[in-house]
Amino acid sequence: MRSLLYIVAVILVIGWLVGVFAYSATGLIHALLVIAIIAFILALIRPSTTV
């Protein structure tokens, strides 16, 4: 589950970068960045559950 959050965070950050530099979008791209940051912080806070 932890690696899934990292993958989602990376995808959202890449989407944000593409949006900022290529399309100069406003609200949606910044919302994606916030979601990516939240996912990354949750991945750091939650304990590792590897078996």
Protein backbone atom coordinates (compact mmCIF):
# COMPACT_ATOMS: atom_id res chain seq x y z
CA MET A 1 0.00 0.00 0.00
CA ARG A 2 2.88 2.34 0.75
CA SER A 3 4.40 1.96 -2.70
CA LEU A 4 0.99 2.66 -4.22
CA LEU A 5 0.86 6.01 -2.42
CA TYR A 6 4.33 6.87 -3.72
CA ILE A 7 3.28 6.00 -7.27
CA VAL A 8 0.16 8.16 -7.00
CA ALA A 9 2.18 11.03 -5.53
CA VAL A 10 4.77 10.86 -8.32
CA ILE A 11 2.10 10.74 -11.02
CA LEU A 12 0.31 13.74 -9.54
CA VAL A 13 3.52 15.76 -9.21
CA ILE A 14 4.43 14.99 -12.82
CA GLY A 15 0.95 16.04 -13.89
CA TRP A 16 1.33 19.26 -11.94
CA LEU A 17 4.69 20.03 -13.53
CA VAL A 18 3.33 19.37 -17.02
CA GLY A 19 0.34 21.59 -16.30
CA VAL A 20 2.39 24.45 -14.89
CA PHE A 21 5.06 24.51 -17.57
CA ALA A 22 3.07 23.46 -20.64
CA TYR A 23 -0.48 24.67 -20.19
CA SER A 24 -0.22 27.22 -17.38
CA ALA A 25 -3.44 25.92 -15.84
CA THR A 26 -4.69 27.32 -12.55
CA GLY A 27 -6.96 25.54 -10.06
CA LEU A 28 -6.97 21.89 -11.10
CA ILE A 29 -3.21 21.52 -11.38
CA HIS A 30 -2.59 23.07 -7.98
CA ALA A 31 -5.24 20.82 -6.46
CA LEU A 32 -3.33 17.84 -7.90
CA LEU A 33 -0.16 19.10 -6.24
CA VAL A 34 -1.91 19.39 -2.88
CA ILE A 35 -3.25 15.83 -3.22
CA ALA A 36 0.24 14.57 -4.10
CA ILE A 37 1.76 16.27 -1.06
CA ILE A 38 -0.95 14.86 1.22
CA ALA A 39 -0.41 11.35 -0.17
CA PHE A 40 3.35 11.65 0.40
CA ILE A 41 2.90 12.88 3.98
CA LEU A 42 0.44 10.07 4.73
CA ALA A 43 2.95 7.55 3.37
CA LEU A 44 5.60 8.94 5.72
CA ILE A 45 3.32 9.04 8.77
CA ARG A 46 1.73 5.60 8.44
CA PRO A 47 3.81 2.74 9.82
CA SER A 48 5.23 0.24 7.37
CA THR A 49 3.10 -2.91 7.19
CA THR A 50 5.44 -5.15 5.23
CA VAL A 51 5.16 -8.82 6.10
